[in-house]
Amino acid sequence: MNENVMKNIKKYNWYNVTLYQFERLQELIKIEDETERTIAIAELILGNDVTNLPISEFKKEIAKLEFMKEPIPDGIPPKKIELNGKKYFIDSLLGNISTAQYVDFTNHSKSGNMAKMLSVFIIPEGHKYNDGYDMLEVINDIEQLPIPVVNSTAFFFKRQLEKFIQIFQSYSIKRIKKLNLPKETKKNMIKVVKESVDLVLSHSF
């Protein structure tokens, strides 16, 4: 590839892809025809009509999608972000969230709606969770969040949640074993704890 094409490619990365686009992308990659699939993905991500371009220009546009072969960046999420001109803070530390946030997160996780799940942790600056702001507006803003930020926020919380649940499971089993109960009863109680933990983990992302 020539130098100009390489410069154009470098302008595009996973930070150019929003949550909304990423979820739409999951449907487009199912298109069987390779050419049709490539055109649909290019128009979604690049925002351009590529069907009427000369083949040389078309190849240059498609080359911009090379970044999609790389894994989505992951890491610790930022503490503050700005979406559609509005400031938000991200509170993804498990120890900071309220019972209401945890309950809403659990319910949203069953639906698989990532924007709703993240609305539990991404809160307008100057507000407490679900207090004095339009939740639907927040969810719409979150759909414009770059997918690496979505990824880092979601999985940072997931790792914390899994660790917390494992600690809870271990603690509960130790307590059950110390109870003055018949062996079979304790065995059944431990089974219930393990099954409950598996159920919670299966619904977290």
Protein backbone atom coordinates (compact mmCIF):
# COMPACT_ATOMS: atom_id res chain seq x y z
CA MET A 1 0.00 0.00 0.00
CA ASN A 2 1.23 3.50 -0.71
CA GLU A 3 1.97 6.06 2.01
CA ASN A 4 -1.25 8.07 1.51
CA VAL A 5 -3.43 5.00 1.90
CA MET A 6 -1.55 4.01 5.08
CA LYS A 7 -2.13 7.49 6.55
CA ASN A 8 -5.88 7.17 5.91
CA ILE A 9 -6.00 3.73 7.52
CA LYS A 10 -4.32 5.01 10.68
CA LYS A 11 -7.14 7.52 11.17
CA TYR A 12 -9.53 4.65 11.78
CA ASN A 13 -9.53 2.37 14.81
CA TRP A 14 -11.98 0.82 17.26
CA TYR A 15 -12.46 4.22 18.92
CA ASN A 16 -14.29 5.30 15.74
CA VAL A 17 -16.92 2.60 16.31
CA THR A 18 -19.85 3.38 18.61
CA LEU A 19 -21.85 0.92 20.67
CA TYR A 20 -24.79 1.44 18.28
CA GLN A 21 -22.61 0.64 15.26
CA PHE A 22 -21.05 -2.37 16.96
CA GLU A 23 -24.44 -3.91 17.74
CA ARG A 24 -25.56 -3.29 14.15
CA LEU A 25 -22.30 -4.85 12.99
CA GLN A 26 -23.24 -8.13 14.69
CA GLU A 27 -26.17 -8.41 12.26
CA LEU A 28 -24.22 -7.37 9.16
CA ILE A 29 -21.50 -9.98 9.59
CA LYS A 30 -24.19 -12.64 9.13
CA ILE A 31 -24.74 -11.56 5.49
CA GLU A 32 -23.67 -14.54 3.37
CA ASP A 33 -22.56 -12.72 0.23
CA GLU A 34 -19.02 -11.44 0.88
CA THR A 35 -19.24 -8.37 -1.38
CA GLU A 36 -22.63 -7.35 0.01
CA ARG A 37 -21.36 -7.87 3.55
CA THR A 38 -18.21 -5.80 2.94
CA ILE A 39 -20.18 -2.91 1.42
CA ALA A 40 -22.72 -2.91 4.27
CA ILE A 41 -19.99 -2.88 6.94
CA ALA A 42 -18.02 -0.15 5.16
CA GLU A 43 -21.07 2.10 4.89
CA LEU A 44 -21.95 1.51 8.54
CA ILE A 45 -18.48 2.22 9.94
CA LEU A 46 -17.25 4.84 7.49
CA GLY A 47 -20.59 6.56 6.97
CA ASN A 48 -20.05 6.78 3.20
CA ASP A 49 -21.86 5.39 0.17
CA VAL A 50 -19.16 3.22 -1.40
CA THR A 51 -21.24 1.49 -4.05
CA ASN A 52 -20.74 4.18 -6.72
CA LEU A 53 -17.00 4.68 -6.18
CA PRO A 54 -14.42 3.69 -8.82
CA ILE A 55 -12.86 0.36 -7.86
CA SER A 56 -9.53 2.02 -6.94
CA GLU A 57 -11.31 4.38 -4.50
CA PHE A 58 -13.45 1.54 -3.21
CA LYS A 59 -10.32 -0.43 -2.28
CA LYS A 60 -8.92 2.58 -0.43
CA GLU A 61 -12.13 2.89 1.60
CA ILE A 62 -12.19 -0.82 2.44
CA ALA A 63 -8.54 -0.62 3.51
CA LYS A 64 -9.61 1.72 6.31
CA LEU A 65 -11.37 -1.22 7.95
CA GLU A 66 -8.11 -3.12 8.52
CA PHE A 67 -8.30 -2.20 12.22
CA MET A 68 -11.28 -4.55 12.61
CA LYS A 69 -8.89 -7.50 12.43
CA GLU A 70 -7.39 -6.37 15.72
CA PRO A 71 -8.96 -7.14 19.14
CA ILE A 72 -10.99 -4.40 20.82
CA PRO A 73 -8.78 -2.58 23.37
CA ASP A 74 -9.49 -3.39 27.00
CA GLY A 75 -8.35 -1.86 30.28
CA ILE A 76 -9.49 0.29 33.18
CA PRO A 77 -12.38 2.55 32.10
CA PRO A 78 -12.04 6.35 32.27
CA LYS A 79 -13.58 8.12 35.25
CA LYS A 80 -15.19 10.85 33.14
CA ILE A 81 -16.47 11.08 29.57
CA GLU A 82 -18.37 13.56 27.42
CA LEU A 83 -21.21 12.43 25.16
CA ASN A 84 -23.22 14.71 22.88
CA GLY A 85 -21.88 17.74 24.78
CA LYS A 86 -22.90 16.34 28.18
CA LYS A 87 -20.51 15.30 30.95
CA TYR A 88 -20.79 11.90 32.61
CA PHE A 89 -18.82 10.06 35.27
CA ILE A 90 -18.31 6.31 35.25
CA ASP A 91 -18.78 4.62 38.61
CA SER A 92 -17.83 1.01 37.88
CA LEU A 93 -16.33 0.14 41.27
CA LEU A 94 -18.46 -2.58 42.79
CA GLY A 95 -18.07 -1.22 46.32
CA ASN A 96 -19.56 2.14 45.31
CA ILE A 97 -22.82 1.01 43.72
CA SER A 98 -26.14 1.00 45.54
CA THR A 99 -28.55 -1.90 45.92
CA ALA A 100 -30.85 -0.22 43.36
CA GLN A 101 -28.00 -0.09 40.84
CA TYR A 102 -27.16 -3.74 41.39
CA VAL A 103 -30.80 -4.83 41.01
CA ASP A 104 -31.23 -2.77 37.83
CA PHE A 105 -27.96 -4.11 36.42
CA THR A 106 -29.08 -7.69 37.05
CA ASN A 107 -32.42 -7.06 35.33
CA HIS A 108 -30.83 -5.28 32.35
CA SER A 109 -28.21 -8.01 31.93
CA LYS A 110 -30.99 -10.54 31.30
CA SER A 111 -32.18 -8.46 28.34
CA GLY A 112 -28.72 -8.27 26.80
CA ASN A 113 -29.17 -4.53 26.19
CA MET A 114 -25.66 -3.17 26.73
CA ALA A 115 -26.69 0.51 26.73
CA LYS A 116 -29.19 -0.15 29.53
CA MET A 117 -26.63 -2.17 31.50
CA LEU A 118 -24.07 0.62 31.25
CA SER A 119 -26.65 3.24 32.24
CA VAL A 120 -26.31 1.79 35.75
CA PHE A 121 -22.68 2.95 35.92
CA ILE A 122 -22.58 5.94 33.54
CA ILE A 123 -24.25 8.84 35.36
CA PRO A 124 -24.67 12.52 34.41
CA GLU A 125 -22.25 14.73 36.30
CA GLY A 126 -23.86 16.34 39.34
CA HIS A 127 -26.46 13.58 39.79
CA LYS A 128 -26.91 10.40 41.77
CA TYR A 129 -28.09 7.25 40.02
CA ASN A 130 -31.55 7.60 38.43
CA ASP A 131 -32.22 10.86 40.29
CA GLY A 132 -33.20 14.06 38.48
CA TYR A 133 -32.29 13.17 34.90
CA ASP A 134 -33.82 11.54 31.82
CA MET A 135 -32.68 7.90 31.80
CA LEU A 136 -33.77 7.38 28.17
CA GLU A 137 -31.60 10.32 27.13
CA VAL A 138 -28.64 8.79 28.94
CA ILE A 139 -29.21 5.43 27.23
CA ASN A 140 -29.33 7.15 23.82
CA ASP A 141 -26.06 8.96 24.62
CA ILE A 142 -24.41 5.71 25.71
CA GLU A 143 -25.18 4.21 22.29
CA GLN A 144 -22.70 6.79 20.91
CA LEU A 145 -19.94 5.66 23.28
CA PRO A 146 -16.79 4.26 21.57
CA ILE A 147 -16.82 0.48 21.80
CA PRO A 148 -13.42 0.26 23.61
CA VAL A 149 -14.86 2.36 26.47
CA VAL A 150 -17.95 0.14 26.50
CA ASN A 151 -15.73 -2.92 26.55
CA SER A 152 -13.49 -1.71 29.36
CA THR A 153 -16.40 -0.51 31.53
CA ALA A 154 -18.46 -3.68 31.08
CA PHE A 155 -15.68 -6.15 31.65
CA PHE A 156 -13.98 -4.21 34.42
CA PHE A 157 -17.23 -4.53 36.37
CA LYS A 158 -17.65 -8.17 35.33
CA ARG A 159 -14.23 -9.08 36.70
CA GLN A 160 -15.05 -7.36 39.99
CA LEU A 161 -18.45 -9.05 40.14
CA GLU A 162 -17.04 -12.52 39.52
CA LYS A 163 -14.38 -12.01 42.19
CA PHE A 164 -16.98 -10.76 44.69
CA ILE A 165 -19.31 -13.69 43.97
CA GLN A 166 -16.48 -16.20 44.38
CA ILE A 167 -15.59 -14.68 47.76
CA PHE A 168 -19.27 -14.75 48.76
CA GLN A 169 -19.57 -18.38 47.70
CA SER A 170 -16.49 -19.44 49.66
CA TYR A 171 -17.62 -17.52 52.75
CA SER A 172 -21.16 -18.97 52.59
CA ILE A 173 -19.94 -22.54 52.23
CA LYS A 174 -17.58 -22.17 55.20
CA ARG A 175 -20.45 -20.81 57.32
CA ILE A 176 -22.75 -23.69 56.28
CA LYS A 177 -20.13 -26.29 57.18
CA LYS A 178 -19.93 -24.86 60.71
CA LEU A 179 -23.69 -25.09 61.28
CA ASN A 180 -25.00 -27.72 63.66
CA LEU A 181 -27.14 -29.46 61.04
CA PRO A 182 -27.37 -32.97 59.56
CA LYS A 183 -24.72 -33.71 56.94
CA GLU A 184 -27.29 -34.17 54.17
CA THR A 185 -28.97 -30.85 54.97
CA LYS A 186 -25.64 -29.01 54.78
CA LYS A 187 -24.84 -30.78 51.52
CA ASN A 188 -28.13 -29.55 50.00
CA MET A 189 -27.56 -26.00 51.25
CA ILE A 190 -24.08 -25.91 49.68
CA LYS A 191 -25.57 -27.18 46.42
CA VAL A 192 -28.11 -24.32 46.44
CA VAL A 193 -25.35 -21.73 47.02
CA LYS A 194 -23.28 -23.11 44.13
CA GLU A 195 -26.28 -23.21 41.79
CA SER A 196 -27.25 -19.63 42.73
CA VAL A 197 -23.73 -18.40 41.99
CA ASP A 198 -23.70 -20.17 38.62
CA LEU A 199 -27.06 -18.56 37.79
CA VAL A 200 -25.81 -15.04 38.62
CA LEU A 201 -22.60 -15.49 36.63
CA SER A 202 -24.52 -16.81 33.63
CA HIS A 203 -26.55 -13.57 33.52
CA SER A 204 -23.57 -11.20 33.82
CA PHE A 205 -22.82 -10.14 30.24
